[in-house]
Amino acid sequence: ERTPDGTTVWFRNIARGKRSLKLNLKDPAGVELLLKLAETADVFVE
């Protein structure tokens, strides 16, 4: 189900306060970008 603004209730209750990075990990350039971000990250979850 969605709220009047079009967002699903499920998404609203797992995604608040986060940032979104759209990334194609089948592209080597996308993999390299993720690894560069990981250089300064503390936690990596998959």
PDB file of all heavy atoms in Angstrom:
ATOM      1  N   GLU A   1       0.829  -1.211   0.000  1.00  0.00           N
ATOM      2  CA  GLU A   1       0.000   0.000   0.000  1.00  0.00           C
ATOM      3  C   GLU A   1       0.865   1.263   0.000  1.00  0.00           C
ATOM      4  O   GLU A   1       1.962   1.286   0.541  1.00  0.00           O
ATOM      5  CB  GLU A   1      -0.912   0.014   1.225  1.00  0.00           C
ATOM      6  CG  GLU A   1      -2.030  -1.019   1.156  1.00  0.00           C
ATOM      7  CD  GLU A   1      -1.572  -2.419   1.497  1.00  0.00           C
ATOM      8  OE1 GLU A   1      -0.404  -2.592   1.916  1.00  0.00           O
ATOM      9  OE2 GLU A   1      -2.382  -3.356   1.339  1.00  0.00           O
ATOM     10  N   ARG A   2       0.291   2.311  -0.571  1.00  0.00           N
ATOM     11  CA  ARG A   2       0.997   3.593  -0.683  1.00  0.00           C
ATOM     12  C   ARG A   2       0.297   4.668   0.143  1.00  0.00           C
ATOM     13  O   ARG A   2      -0.913   4.625   0.341  1.00  0.00           O
ATOM     14  CB  ARG A   2       1.064   4.050  -2.145  1.00  0.00           C
ATOM     15  CG  ARG A   2       1.844   3.102  -3.039  1.00  0.00           C
ATOM     16  CD  ARG A   2       1.801   3.551  -4.496  1.00  0.00           C
ATOM     17  NE  ARG A   2       2.487   2.620  -5.365  1.00  0.00           N
ATOM     18  CZ  ARG A   2       3.792   2.686  -5.655  1.00  0.00           C
ATOM     19  NH1 ARG A   2       4.533   3.673  -5.145  1.00  0.00           N
ATOM     20  NH2 ARG A   2       4.349   1.793  -6.442  1.00  0.00           N
ATOM     21  N   THR A   3       1.066   5.634   0.591  1.00  0.00           N
ATOM     22  CA  THR A   3       0.516   6.818   1.225  1.00  0.00           C
ATOM     23  C   THR A   3       0.125   7.799   0.121  1.00  0.00           C
ATOM     24  O   THR A   3       0.479   7.611  -1.044  1.00  0.00           O
ATOM     25  CB  THR A   3       1.559   7.439   2.179  1.00  0.00           C
ATOM     26  OG1 THR A   3       2.800   7.612   1.480  1.00  0.00           O
ATOM     27  CG2 THR A   3       1.803   6.530   3.380  1.00  0.00           C
ATOM     28  N   PRO A   4      -0.645   8.850   0.445  1.00  0.00           N
ATOM     29  CA  PRO A   4      -1.127   9.752  -0.612  1.00  0.00           C
ATOM     30  C   PRO A   4      -0.037  10.354  -1.496  1.00  0.00           C
ATOM     31  O   PRO A   4      -0.303  10.698  -2.649  1.00  0.00           O
ATOM     32  CB  PRO A   4      -1.852  10.846   0.191  1.00  0.00           C
ATOM     33  CG  PRO A   4      -2.363  10.132   1.399  1.00  0.00           C
ATOM     34  CD  PRO A   4      -1.265   9.155   1.751  1.00  0.00           C
ATOM     35  N   ASP A   5       1.194  10.454  -0.979  1.00  0.00           N
ATOM     36  CA  ASP A   5       2.263  11.026  -1.811  1.00  0.00           C
ATOM     37  C   ASP A   5       2.854  10.013  -2.779  1.00  0.00           C
ATOM     38  O   ASP A   5       3.785  10.322  -3.536  1.00  0.00           O
ATOM     39  CB  ASP A   5       3.367  11.622  -0.936  1.00  0.00           C
ATOM     40  CG  ASP A   5       4.088  10.580  -0.100  1.00  0.00           C
ATOM     41  OD1 ASP A   5       3.704   9.400  -0.151  1.00  0.00           O
ATOM     42  OD2 ASP A   5       5.026  10.951   0.629  1.00  0.00           O
ATOM     43  N   GLY A   6       2.344   8.781  -2.769  1.00  0.00           N
ATOM     44  CA  GLY A   6       2.806   7.771  -3.716  1.00  0.00           C
ATOM     45  C   GLY A   6       3.872   6.841  -3.195  1.00  0.00           C
ATOM     46  O   GLY A   6       4.269   5.894  -3.881  1.00  0.00           O
ATOM     47  N   THR A   7       4.363   7.075  -1.987  1.00  0.00           N
ATOM     48  CA  THR A   7       5.403   6.234  -1.401  1.00  0.00           C
ATOM     49  C   THR A   7       4.778   5.018  -0.736  1.00  0.00           C
ATOM     50  O   THR A   7       3.744   5.135  -0.082  1.00  0.00           O
ATOM     51  CB  THR A   7       6.198   7.025  -0.342  1.00  0.00           C
ATOM     52  OG1 THR A   7       6.701   8.221  -0.931  1.00  0.00           O
ATOM     53  CG2 THR A   7       7.348   6.205   0.209  1.00  0.00           C
ATOM     54  N   THR A   8       5.401   3.847  -0.885  1.00  0.00           N
ATOM     55  CA  THR A   8       4.869   2.688  -0.191  1.00  0.00           C
ATOM     56  C   THR A   8       5.177   2.780   1.303  1.00  0.00           C
ATOM     57  O   THR A   8       6.203   3.327   1.712  1.00  0.00           O
ATOM     58  CB  THR A   8       5.454   1.368  -0.731  1.00  0.00           C
ATOM     59  OG1 THR A   8       6.838   1.277  -0.408  1.00  0.00           O
ATOM     60  CG2 THR A   8       5.251   1.253  -2.233  1.00  0.00           C
ATOM     61  N   VAL A   9       4.272   2.234   2.095  1.00  0.00           N
ATOM     62  CA  VAL A   9       4.452   2.234   3.548  1.00  0.00           C
ATOM     63  C   VAL A   9       5.705   1.452   3.923  1.00  0.00           C
ATOM     64  O   VAL A   9       6.468   1.855   4.811  1.00  0.00           O
ATOM     65  CB  VAL A   9       3.217   1.646   4.248  1.00  0.00           C
ATOM     66  CG1 VAL A   9       3.459   1.491   5.746  1.00  0.00           C
ATOM     67  CG2 VAL A   9       1.996   2.530   3.999  1.00  0.00           C
ATOM     68  N   TRP A  10       5.956   0.343   3.236  1.00  0.00           N
ATOM     69  CA  TRP A  10       7.138  -0.477   3.526  1.00  0.00           C
ATOM     70  C   TRP A  10       8.405   0.340   3.294  1.00  0.00           C
ATOM     71  O   TRP A  10       9.298   0.393   4.154  1.00  0.00           O
ATOM     72  CB  TRP A  10       7.117  -1.715   2.625  1.00  0.00           C
ATOM     73  CG  TRP A  10       8.176  -2.752   2.918  1.00  0.00           C
ATOM     74  CD1 TRP A  10       9.321  -2.596   3.644  1.00  0.00           C
ATOM     75  CD2 TRP A  10       8.173  -4.117   2.480  1.00  0.00           C
ATOM     76  NE1 TRP A  10      10.035  -3.760   3.683  1.00  0.00           N
ATOM     77  CE2 TRP A  10       9.353  -4.721   2.978  1.00  0.00           C
ATOM     78  CE3 TRP A  10       7.298  -4.883   1.711  1.00  0.00           C
ATOM     79  CZ2 TRP A  10       9.674  -6.053   2.719  1.00  0.00           C
ATOM     80  CZ3 TRP A  10       7.624  -6.213   1.470  1.00  0.00           C
ATOM     81  CH2 TRP A  10       8.788  -6.784   1.968  1.00  0.00           C
ATOM     82  N   PHE A  11       8.490   1.002   2.132  1.00  0.00           N
ATOM     83  CA  PHE A  11       9.691   1.793   1.837  1.00  0.00           C
ATOM     84  C   PHE A  11       9.871   2.912   2.866  1.00  0.00           C
ATOM     85  O   PHE A  11      10.984   3.173   3.324  1.00  0.00           O
ATOM     86  CB  PHE A  11       9.600   2.376   0.436  1.00  0.00           C
ATOM     87  CG  PHE A  11      10.826   3.150   0.025  1.00  0.00           C
ATOM     88  CD1 PHE A  11      12.014   2.495  -0.240  1.00  0.00           C
ATOM     89  CD2 PHE A  11      10.789   4.536  -0.064  1.00  0.00           C
ATOM     90  CE1 PHE A  11      13.155   3.202  -0.606  1.00  0.00           C
ATOM     91  CE2 PHE A  11      11.925   5.252  -0.431  1.00  0.00           C
ATOM     92  CZ  PHE A  11      13.105   4.592  -0.706  1.00  0.00           C
ATOM     93  N   ARG A  12       8.772   3.537   3.237  1.00  0.00           N
ATOM     94  CA  ARG A  12       8.853   4.637   4.204  1.00  0.00           C
ATOM     95  C   ARG A  12       9.458   4.168   5.523  1.00  0.00           C
ATOM     96  O   ARG A  12      10.104   4.940   6.225  1.00  0.00           O
ATOM     97  CB  ARG A  12       7.446   5.207   4.437  1.00  0.00           C
ATOM     98  CG  ARG A  12       7.380   6.395   5.373  1.00  0.00           C
ATOM     99  CD  ARG A  12       5.984   6.985   5.402  1.00  0.00           C
ATOM    100  NE  ARG A  12       5.583   7.473   4.089  1.00  0.00           N
ATOM    101  CZ  ARG A  12       6.016   8.604   3.545  1.00  0.00           C
ATOM    102  NH1 ARG A  12       6.844   9.384   4.223  1.00  0.00           N
ATOM    103  NH2 ARG A  12       5.615   8.965   2.351  1.00  0.00           N
ATOM    104  N   ASN A  13       9.251   2.895   5.849  1.00  0.00           N
ATOM    105  CA  ASN A  13       9.685   2.404   7.151  1.00  0.00           C
ATOM    106  C   ASN A  13      10.944   1.550   7.113  1.00  0.00           C
ATOM    107  O   ASN A  13      11.262   0.857   8.078  1.00  0.00           O
ATOM    108  CB  ASN A  13       8.532   1.643   7.822  1.00  0.00           C
ATOM    109  CG  ASN A  13       7.497   2.603   8.370  1.00  0.00           C
ATOM    110  OD1 ASN A  13       7.658   3.166   9.438  1.00  0.00           O
ATOM    111  ND2 ASN A  13       6.425   2.810   7.620  1.00  0.00           N
ATOM    112  N   ILE A  14      11.693   1.629   5.987  1.00  0.00           N
ATOM    113  CA  ILE A  14      13.047   1.061   5.967  1.00  0.00           C
ATOM    114  C   ILE A  14      14.064   2.032   5.359  1.00  0.00           C
ATOM    115  O   ILE A  14      15.264   1.778   5.416  1.00  0.00           O
ATOM    116  CB  ILE A  14      13.113  -0.284   5.207  1.00  0.00           C
ATOM    117  CG1 ILE A  14      12.592  -0.177   3.773  1.00  0.00           C
ATOM    118  CG2 ILE A  14      12.363  -1.366   5.969  1.00  0.00           C
ATOM    119  CD1 ILE A  14      13.636   0.057   2.724  1.00  0.00           C
ATOM    120  N   ALA A  15      13.585   3.159   4.821  1.00  0.00           N
ATOM    121  CA  ALA A  15      14.489   4.024   4.046  1.00  0.00           C
ATOM    122  C   ALA A  15      14.637   5.439   4.582  1.00  0.00           C
ATOM    123  O   ALA A  15      15.412   6.213   4.039  1.00  0.00           O
ATOM    124  CB  ALA A  15      14.010   4.088   2.591  1.00  0.00           C
ATOM    125  N   ARG A  16      13.915   5.779   5.644  1.00  0.00           N
ATOM    126  CA  ARG A  16      13.962   7.176   6.094  1.00  0.00           C
ATOM    127  C   ARG A  16      15.380   7.572   6.516  1.00  0.00           C
ATOM    128  O   ARG A  16      16.137   6.783   7.065  1.00  0.00           O
ATOM    129  CB  ARG A  16      12.987   7.395   7.239  1.00  0.00           C
ATOM    130  CG  ARG A  16      13.321   6.644   8.507  1.00  0.00           C
ATOM    131  CD  ARG A  16      12.421   7.093   9.654  1.00  0.00           C
ATOM    132  NE  ARG A  16      12.725   6.361  10.863  1.00  0.00           N
ATOM    133  CZ  ARG A  16      11.873   5.563  11.509  1.00  0.00           C
ATOM    134  NH1 ARG A  16      10.652   5.403  11.058  1.00  0.00           N
ATOM    135  NH2 ARG A  16      12.254   4.936  12.593  1.00  0.00           N
ATOM    136  N   GLY A  17      15.687   8.825   6.217  1.00  0.00           N
ATOM    137  CA  GLY A  17      16.952   9.376   6.662  1.00  0.00           C
ATOM    138  C   GLY A  17      18.172   8.889   5.906  1.00  0.00           C
ATOM    139  O   GLY A  17      19.298   9.191   6.286  1.00  0.00           O
ATOM    140  N   LYS A  18      17.970   8.136   4.812  1.00  0.00           N
ATOM    141  CA  LYS A  18      19.100   7.612   4.051  1.00  0.00           C
ATOM    142  C   LYS A  18      19.317   8.432   2.776  1.00  0.00           C
ATOM    143  O   LYS A  18      18.482   9.248   2.396  1.00  0.00           O
ATOM    144  CB  LYS A  18      18.846   6.145   3.680  1.00  0.00           C
ATOM    145  CG  LYS A  18      18.649   5.212   4.865  1.00  0.00           C
ATOM    146  CD  LYS A  18      18.380   3.780   4.411  1.00  0.00           C
ATOM    147  CE  LYS A  18      18.131   2.850   5.577  1.00  0.00           C
ATOM    148  NZ  LYS A  18      17.890   1.447   5.136  1.00  0.00           N
ATOM    149  N   ARG A  19      20.437   8.179   2.136  1.00  0.00           N
ATOM    150  CA  ARG A  19      20.682   8.745   0.821  1.00  0.00           C
ATOM    151  C   ARG A  19      20.658   7.620  -0.216  1.00  0.00           C
ATOM    152  O   ARG A  19      20.922   6.472   0.106  1.00  0.00           O
ATOM    153  CB  ARG A  19      22.033   9.457   0.778  1.00  0.00           C
ATOM    154  CG  ARG A  19      22.108  10.652   1.715  1.00  0.00           C
ATOM    155  CD  ARG A  19      23.307  11.523   1.387  1.00  0.00           C
ATOM    156  NE  ARG A  19      24.571  10.927   1.805  1.00  0.00           N
ATOM    157  CZ  ARG A  19      25.778  11.362   1.391  1.00  0.00           C
ATOM    158  NH1 ARG A  19      25.859  12.363   0.536  1.00  0.00           N
ATOM    159  NH2 ARG A  19      26.877  10.784   1.832  1.00  0.00           N
ATOM    160  N   SER A  20      20.314   7.959  -1.451  1.00  0.00           N
ATOM    161  CA  SER A  20      20.193   6.962  -2.509  1.00  0.00           C
ATOM    162  C   SER A  20      21.250   7.171  -3.581  1.00  0.00           C
ATOM    163  O   SER A  20      21.371   8.250  -4.160  1.00  0.00           O
ATOM    164  CB  SER A  20      18.806   7.027  -3.155  1.00  0.00           C
ATOM    165  OG  SER A  20      18.772   6.215  -4.323  1.00  0.00           O
ATOM    166  N   LEU A  21      22.007   6.097  -3.830  1.00  0.00           N
ATOM    167  CA  LEU A  21      22.982   6.083  -4.924  1.00  0.00           C
ATOM    168  C   LEU A  21      22.538   5.037  -5.933  1.00  0.00           C
ATOM    169  O   LEU A  21      22.471   3.845  -5.625  1.00  0.00           O
ATOM    170  CB  LEU A  21      24.379   5.723  -4.394  1.00  0.00           C
ATOM    171  CG  LEU A  21      25.447   5.387  -5.444  1.00  0.00           C
ATOM    172  CD1 LEU A  21      25.737   6.596  -6.338  1.00  0.00           C
ATOM    173  CD2 LEU A  21      26.719   4.871  -4.775  1.00  0.00           C
ATOM    174  N   LYS A  22      22.205   5.481  -7.131  1.00  0.00           N
ATOM    175  CA  LYS A  22      21.866   4.571  -8.225  1.00  0.00           C
ATOM    176  C   LYS A  22      23.170   4.100  -8.853  1.00  0.00           C
ATOM    177  O   LYS A  22      23.996   4.928  -9.277  1.00  0.00           O
ATOM    178  CB  LYS A  22      20.994   5.301  -9.251  1.00  0.00           C
ATOM    179  CG  LYS A  22      20.542   4.454 -10.413  1.00  0.00           C
ATOM    180  CD  LYS A  22      19.567   5.209 -11.305  1.00  0.00           C
ATOM    181  CE  LYS A  22      20.253   6.351 -12.032  1.00  0.00           C
ATOM    182  NZ  LYS A  22      19.367   6.981 -13.035  1.00  0.00           N
ATOM    183  N   LEU A  23      23.380   2.765  -8.931  1.00  0.00           N
ATOM    184  CA  LEU A  23      24.696   2.292  -9.369  1.00  0.00           C
ATOM    185  C   LEU A  23      24.573   0.973 -10.122  1.00  0.00           C
ATOM    186  O   LEU A  23      23.943   0.021  -9.652  1.00  0.00           O
ATOM    187  CB  LEU A  23      25.599   2.103  -8.145  1.00  0.00           C
ATOM    188  CG  LEU A  23      27.087   1.928  -8.406  1.00  0.00           C
ATOM    189  CD1 LEU A  23      27.658   3.155  -9.110  1.00  0.00           C
ATOM    190  CD2 LEU A  23      27.830   1.680  -7.102  1.00  0.00           C
ATOM    191  N   ASN A  24      25.209   0.906 -11.282  1.00  0.00           N
ATOM    192  CA  ASN A  24      25.283  -0.313 -12.083  1.00  0.00           C
ATOM    193  C   ASN A  24      26.579  -1.039 -11.746  1.00  0.00           C
ATOM    194  O   ASN A  24      27.660  -0.648 -12.193  1.00  0.00           O
ATOM    195  CB  ASN A  24      25.221   0.022 -13.571  1.00  0.00           C
ATOM    196  CG  ASN A  24      25.295  -1.215 -14.446  1.00  0.00           C
ATOM    197  OD1 ASN A  24      25.259  -2.349 -13.956  1.00  0.00           O
ATOM    198  ND2 ASN A  24      25.410  -1.010 -15.753  1.00  0.00           N
ATOM    199  N   LEU A  25      26.475  -2.118 -10.982  1.00  0.00           N
ATOM    200  CA  LEU A  25      27.672  -2.852 -10.578  1.00  0.00           C
ATOM    201  C   LEU A  25      28.132  -3.855 -11.628  1.00  0.00           C
ATOM    202  O   LEU A  25      29.112  -4.576 -11.399  1.00  0.00           O
ATOM    203  CB  LEU A  25      27.415  -3.554  -9.241  1.00  0.00           C
ATOM    204  CG  LEU A  25      27.325  -2.621  -8.032  1.00  0.00           C
ATOM    205  CD1 LEU A  25      26.969  -3.396  -6.774  1.00  0.00           C
ATOM    206  CD2 LEU A  25      28.636  -1.869  -7.837  1.00  0.00           C
ATOM    207  N   LYS A  26      27.436  -3.923 -12.758  1.00  0.00           N
ATOM    208  CA  LYS A  26      27.925  -4.743 -13.869  1.00  0.00           C
ATOM    209  C   LYS A  26      28.859  -3.936 -14.768  1.00  0.00           C
ATOM    210  O   LYS A  26      29.448  -4.480 -15.708  1.00  0.00           O
ATOM    211  CB  LYS A  26      26.743  -5.284 -14.667  1.00  0.00           C
ATOM    212  CG  LYS A  26      25.899  -6.274 -13.863  1.00  0.00           C
ATOM    213  CD  LYS A  26      24.765  -6.851 -14.665  1.00  0.00           C
ATOM    214  CE  LYS A  26      23.966  -7.847 -13.816  1.00  0.00           C
ATOM    215  NZ  LYS A  26      22.830  -8.429 -14.568  1.00  0.00           N
ATOM    216  N   ASP A  27      28.972  -2.661 -14.487  1.00  0.00           N
ATOM    217  CA  ASP A  27      29.905  -1.770 -15.187  1.00  0.00           C
ATOM    218  C   ASP A  27      31.149  -1.611 -14.318  1.00  0.00           C
ATOM    219  O   ASP A  27      31.036  -1.228 -13.148  1.00  0.00           O
ATOM    220  CB  ASP A  27      29.222  -0.417 -15.413  1.00  0.00           C
ATOM    221  CG  ASP A  27      30.085   0.564 -16.181  1.00  0.00           C
ATOM    222  OD1 ASP A  27      31.314   0.350 -16.264  1.00  0.00           O
ATOM    223  OD2 ASP A  27      29.545   1.572 -16.671  1.00  0.00           O
ATOM    224  N   PRO A  28      32.337  -1.906 -14.828  1.00  0.00           N
ATOM    225  CA  PRO A  28      33.551  -1.748 -14.026  1.00  0.00           C
ATOM    226  C   PRO A  28      33.695  -0.366 -13.400  1.00  0.00           C
ATOM    227  O   PRO A  28      34.236  -0.232 -12.295  1.00  0.00           O
ATOM    228  CB  PRO A  28      34.676  -2.022 -15.028  1.00  0.00           C
ATOM    229  CG  PRO A  28      34.051  -2.920 -16.056  1.00  0.00           C
ATOM    230  CD  PRO A  28      32.626  -2.453 -16.162  1.00  0.00           C
ATOM    231  N   ALA A  29      33.185   0.643 -14.087  1.00  0.00           N
ATOM    232  CA  ALA A  29      33.257   1.997 -13.523  1.00  0.00           C
ATOM    233  C   ALA A  29      32.375   2.110 -12.284  1.00  0.00           C
ATOM    234  O   ALA A  29      32.707   2.831 -11.332  1.00  0.00           O
ATOM    235  CB  ALA A  29      32.834   3.026 -14.574  1.00  0.00           C
ATOM    236  N   GLY A  30      31.230   1.406 -12.270  1.00  0.00           N
ATOM    237  CA  GLY A  30      30.374   1.396 -11.096  1.00  0.00           C
ATOM    238  C   GLY A  30      31.026   0.677  -9.939  1.00  0.00           C
ATOM    239  O   GLY A  30      30.938   1.119  -8.780  1.00  0.00           O
ATOM    240  N   VAL A  31      31.696  -0.431 -10.236  1.00  0.00           N
ATOM    241  CA  VAL A  31      32.424  -1.160  -9.192  1.00  0.00           C
ATOM    242  C   VAL A  31      33.517  -0.289  -8.601  1.00  0.00           C
ATOM    243  O   VAL A  31      33.696  -0.220  -7.377  1.00  0.00           O
ATOM    244  CB  VAL A  31      33.020  -2.467  -9.765  1.00  0.00           C
ATOM    245  CG1 VAL A  31      33.939  -3.137  -8.750  1.00  0.00           C
ATOM    246  CG2 VAL A  31      31.902  -3.409 -10.178  1.00  0.00           C
ATOM    247  N   GLU A  32      34.253   0.391  -9.462  1.00  0.00           N
ATOM    248  CA  GLU A  32      35.336   1.253  -8.971  1.00  0.00           C
ATOM    249  C   GLU A  32      34.804   2.394  -8.113  1.00  0.00           C
ATOM    250  O   GLU A  32      35.391   2.737  -7.085  1.00  0.00           O
ATOM    251  CB  GLU A  32      36.131   1.811 -10.160  1.00  0.00           C
ATOM    252  CG  GLU A  32      37.249   2.779  -9.780  1.00  0.00           C
ATOM    253  CD  GLU A  32      38.280   2.185  -8.820  1.00  0.00           C
ATOM    254  OE1 GLU A  32      38.441   0.943  -8.809  1.00  0.00           O
ATOM    255  OE2 GLU A  32      38.915   2.964  -8.080  1.00  0.00           O
ATOM    256  N   LEU A  33      33.653   2.954  -8.485  1.00  0.00           N
ATOM    257  CA  LEU A  33      33.074   4.016  -7.670  1.00  0.00           C
ATOM    258  C   LEU A  33      32.700   3.478  -6.291  1.00  0.00           C
ATOM    259  O   LEU A  33      32.963   4.119  -5.264  1.00  0.00           O
ATOM    260  CB  LEU A  33      31.843   4.598  -8.363  1.00  0.00           C
ATOM    261  CG  LEU A  33      31.008   5.599  -7.549  1.00  0.00           C
ATOM    262  CD1 LEU A  33      31.864   6.757  -7.045  1.00  0.00           C
ATOM    263  CD2 LEU A  33      29.847   6.119  -8.381  1.00  0.00           C
ATOM    264  N   LEU A  34      32.102   2.285  -6.247  1.00  0.00           N
ATOM    265  CA  LEU A  34      31.730   1.718  -4.953  1.00  0.00           C
ATOM    266  C   LEU A  34      32.965   1.448  -4.100  1.00  0.00           C
ATOM    267  O   LEU A  34      32.969   1.726  -2.885  1.00  0.00           O
ATOM    268  CB  LEU A  34      30.938   0.425  -5.154  1.00  0.00           C
ATOM    269  CG  LEU A  34      30.403  -0.223  -3.877  1.00  0.00           C
ATOM    270  CD1 LEU A  34      29.424   0.706  -3.159  1.00  0.00           C
ATOM    271  CD2 LEU A  34      29.717  -1.553  -4.187  1.00  0.00           C
ATOM    272  N   LEU A  35      34.032   0.948  -4.706  1.00  0.00           N
ATOM    273  CA  LEU A  35      35.261   0.684  -3.946  1.00  0.00           C
ATOM    274  C   LEU A  35      35.890   1.982  -3.446  1.00  0.00           C
ATOM    275  O   LEU A  35      36.439   2.022  -2.334  1.00  0.00           O
ATOM    276  CB  LEU A  35      36.252  -0.103  -4.809  1.00  0.00           C
ATOM    277  CG  LEU A  35      35.842  -1.548  -5.122  1.00  0.00           C
ATOM    278  CD1 LEU A  35      36.825  -2.174  -6.106  1.00  0.00           C
ATOM    279  CD2 LEU A  35      35.763  -2.381  -3.845  1.00  0.00           C
ATOM    280  N   LYS A  36      35.799   3.039  -4.233  1.00  0.00           N
ATOM    281  CA  LYS A  36      36.326   4.329  -3.770  1.00  0.00           C
ATOM    282  C   LYS A  36      35.517   4.836  -2.581  1.00  0.00           C
ATOM    283  O   LYS A  36      36.069   5.386  -1.621  1.00  0.00           O
ATOM    284  CB  LYS A  36      36.308   5.352  -4.913  1.00  0.00           C
ATOM    285  CG  LYS A  36      37.386   5.129  -5.955  1.00  0.00           C
ATOM    286  CD  LYS A  36      37.388   6.226  -6.998  1.00  0.00           C
ATOM    287  CE  LYS A  36      37.887   7.556  -6.423  1.00  0.00           C
ATOM    288  NZ  LYS A  36      39.305   7.502  -6.059  1.00  0.00           N
ATOM    289  N   LEU A  37      34.189   4.662  -2.643  1.00  0.00           N
ATOM    290  CA  LEU A  37      33.356   5.058  -1.508  1.00  0.00           C
ATOM    291  C   LEU A  37      33.682   4.216  -0.272  1.00  0.00           C
ATOM    292  O   LEU A  37      33.690   4.720   0.852  1.00  0.00           O
ATOM    293  CB  LEU A  37      31.881   4.898  -1.859  1.00  0.00           C
ATOM    294  CG  LEU A  37      31.310   5.895  -2.865  1.00  0.00           C
ATOM    295  CD1 LEU A  37      29.936   5.447  -3.347  1.00  0.00           C
ATOM    296  CD2 LEU A  37      31.234   7.289  -2.254  1.00  0.00           C
ATOM    297  N   ALA A  38      33.985   2.944  -0.499  1.00  0.00           N
ATOM    298  CA  ALA A  38      34.300   2.051   0.620  1.00  0.00           C
ATOM    299  C   ALA A  38      35.600   2.452   1.319  1.00  0.00           C
ATOM    300  O   ALA A  38      35.794   2.106   2.489  1.00  0.00           O
ATOM    301  CB  ALA A  38      34.389   0.611   0.131  1.00  0.00           C
ATOM    302  N   GLU A  39      36.448   3.158   0.645  1.00  0.00           N
ATOM    303  CA  GLU A  39      37.711   3.575   1.254  1.00  0.00           C
ATOM    304  C   GLU A  39      37.493   4.457   2.477  1.00  0.00           C
ATOM    305  O   GLU A  39      38.310   4.472   3.396  1.00  0.00           O
ATOM    306  CB  GLU A  39      38.571   4.306   0.218  1.00  0.00           C
ATOM    307  CG  GLU A  39      39.096   3.403  -0.885  1.00  0.00           C
ATOM    308  CD  GLU A  39      39.844   4.186  -1.956  1.00  0.00           C
ATOM    309  OE1 GLU A  39      39.990   5.428  -1.797  1.00  0.00           O
ATOM    310  OE2 GLU A  39      40.277   3.566  -2.949  1.00  0.00           O
ATOM    311  N   THR A  40      36.402   5.187   2.488  1.00  0.00           N
ATOM    312  CA  THR A  40      36.126   6.083   3.620  1.00  0.00           C
ATOM    313  C   THR A  40      34.896   5.644   4.411  1.00  0.00           C
ATOM    314  O   THR A  40      34.405   6.397   5.246  1.00  0.00           O
ATOM    315  CB  THR A  40      35.923   7.523   3.120  1.00  0.00           C
ATOM    316  OG1 THR A  40      34.857   7.554   2.169  1.00  0.00           O
ATOM    317  CG2 THR A  40      37.198   8.067   2.477  1.00  0.00           C
ATOM    318  N   ALA A  41      34.399   4.444   4.132  1.00  0.00           N
ATOM    319  CA  ALA A  41      33.232   3.950   4.853  1.00  0.00           C
ATOM    320  C   ALA A  41      33.658   3.191   6.104  1.00  0.00           C
ATOM    321  O   ALA A  41      34.805   2.768   6.253  1.00  0.00           O
ATOM    322  CB  ALA A  41      32.403   3.043   3.945  1.00  0.00           C
ATOM    323  N   ASP A  42      32.711   3.027   6.999  1.00  0.00           N
ATOM    324  CA  ASP A  42      32.933   2.246   8.214  1.00  0.00           C
ATOM    325  C   ASP A  42      32.271   0.876   8.141  1.00  0.00           C
ATOM    326  O   ASP A  42      32.784  -0.102   8.682  1.00  0.00           O
ATOM    327  CB  ASP A  42      32.378   3.005   9.425  1.00  0.00           C
ATOM    328  CG  ASP A  42      33.054   4.339   9.629  1.00  0.00           C
ATOM    329  OD1 ASP A  42      34.186   4.346  10.129  1.00  0.00           O
ATOM    330  OD2 ASP A  42      32.445   5.373   9.273  1.00  0.00           O
ATOM    331  N   VAL A  43      31.104   0.827   7.487  1.00  0.00           N
ATOM    332  CA  VAL A  43      30.310  -0.402   7.438  1.00  0.00           C
ATOM    333  C   VAL A  43      29.850  -0.645   6.010  1.00  0.00           C
ATOM    334  O   VAL A  43      29.456   0.291   5.303  1.00  0.00           O
ATOM    335  CB  VAL A  43      29.087  -0.301   8.380  1.00  0.00           C
ATOM    336  CG1 VAL A  43      28.228  -1.567   8.291  1.00  0.00           C
ATOM    337  CG2 VAL A  43      29.521  -0.050   9.818  1.00  0.00           C
ATOM    338  N   PHE A  44      29.896  -1.908   5.606  1.00  0.00           N
ATOM    339  CA  PHE A  44      29.450  -2.326   4.279  1.00  0.00           C
ATOM    340  C   PHE A  44      28.483  -3.479   4.484  1.00  0.00           C
ATOM    341  O   PHE A  44      28.824  -4.483   5.119  1.00  0.00           O
ATOM    342  CB  PHE A  44      30.666  -2.778   3.460  1.00  0.00           C
ATOM    343  CG  PHE A  44      30.426  -3.005   1.992  1.00  0.00           C
ATOM    344  CD1 PHE A  44      30.903  -2.107   1.056  1.00  0.00           C
ATOM    345  CD2 PHE A  44      29.764  -4.134   1.541  1.00  0.00           C
ATOM    346  CE1 PHE A  44      30.713  -2.318  -0.317  1.00  0.00           C
ATOM    347  CE2 PHE A  44      29.562  -4.362   0.188  1.00  0.00           C
ATOM    348  CZ  PHE A  44      30.044  -3.447  -0.743  1.00  0.00           C
ATOM    349  N   VAL A  45      27.258  -3.352   3.959  1.00  0.00           N
ATOM    350  CA  VAL A  45      26.226  -4.366   4.157  1.00  0.00           C
ATOM    351  C   VAL A  45      25.760  -4.868   2.793  1.00  0.00           C
ATOM    352  O   VAL A  45      25.482  -4.064   1.890  1.00  0.00           O
ATOM    353  CB  VAL A  45      25.015  -3.805   4.935  1.00  0.00           C
ATOM    354  CG1 VAL A  45      23.953  -4.887   5.129  1.00  0.00           C
ATOM    355  CG2 VAL A  45      25.452  -3.241   6.286  1.00  0.00           C
ATOM    356  N   GLU A  46      25.693  -6.197   2.648  1.00  0.00           N
ATOM    357  CA  GLU A  46      25.160  -6.766   1.404  1.00  0.00           C
ATOM    358  C   GLU A  46      24.316  -7.977   1.731  1.00  0.00           C
ATOM    359  O   GLU A  46      24.517  -8.633   2.747  1.00  0.00           O
ATOM    360  CB  GLU A  46      26.291  -7.122   0.433  1.00  0.00           C
ATOM    361  CG  GLU A  46      27.222  -8.214   0.881  1.00  0.00           C
ATOM    362  CD  GLU A  46      26.788  -9.608   0.450  1.00  0.00           C
ATOM    363  OE1 GLU A  46      25.810  -9.723  -0.325  1.00  0.00           O
ATOM    364  OE2 GLU A  46      27.404 -10.578   0.901  1.00  0.00           O
TER     365      GLU A  46
END
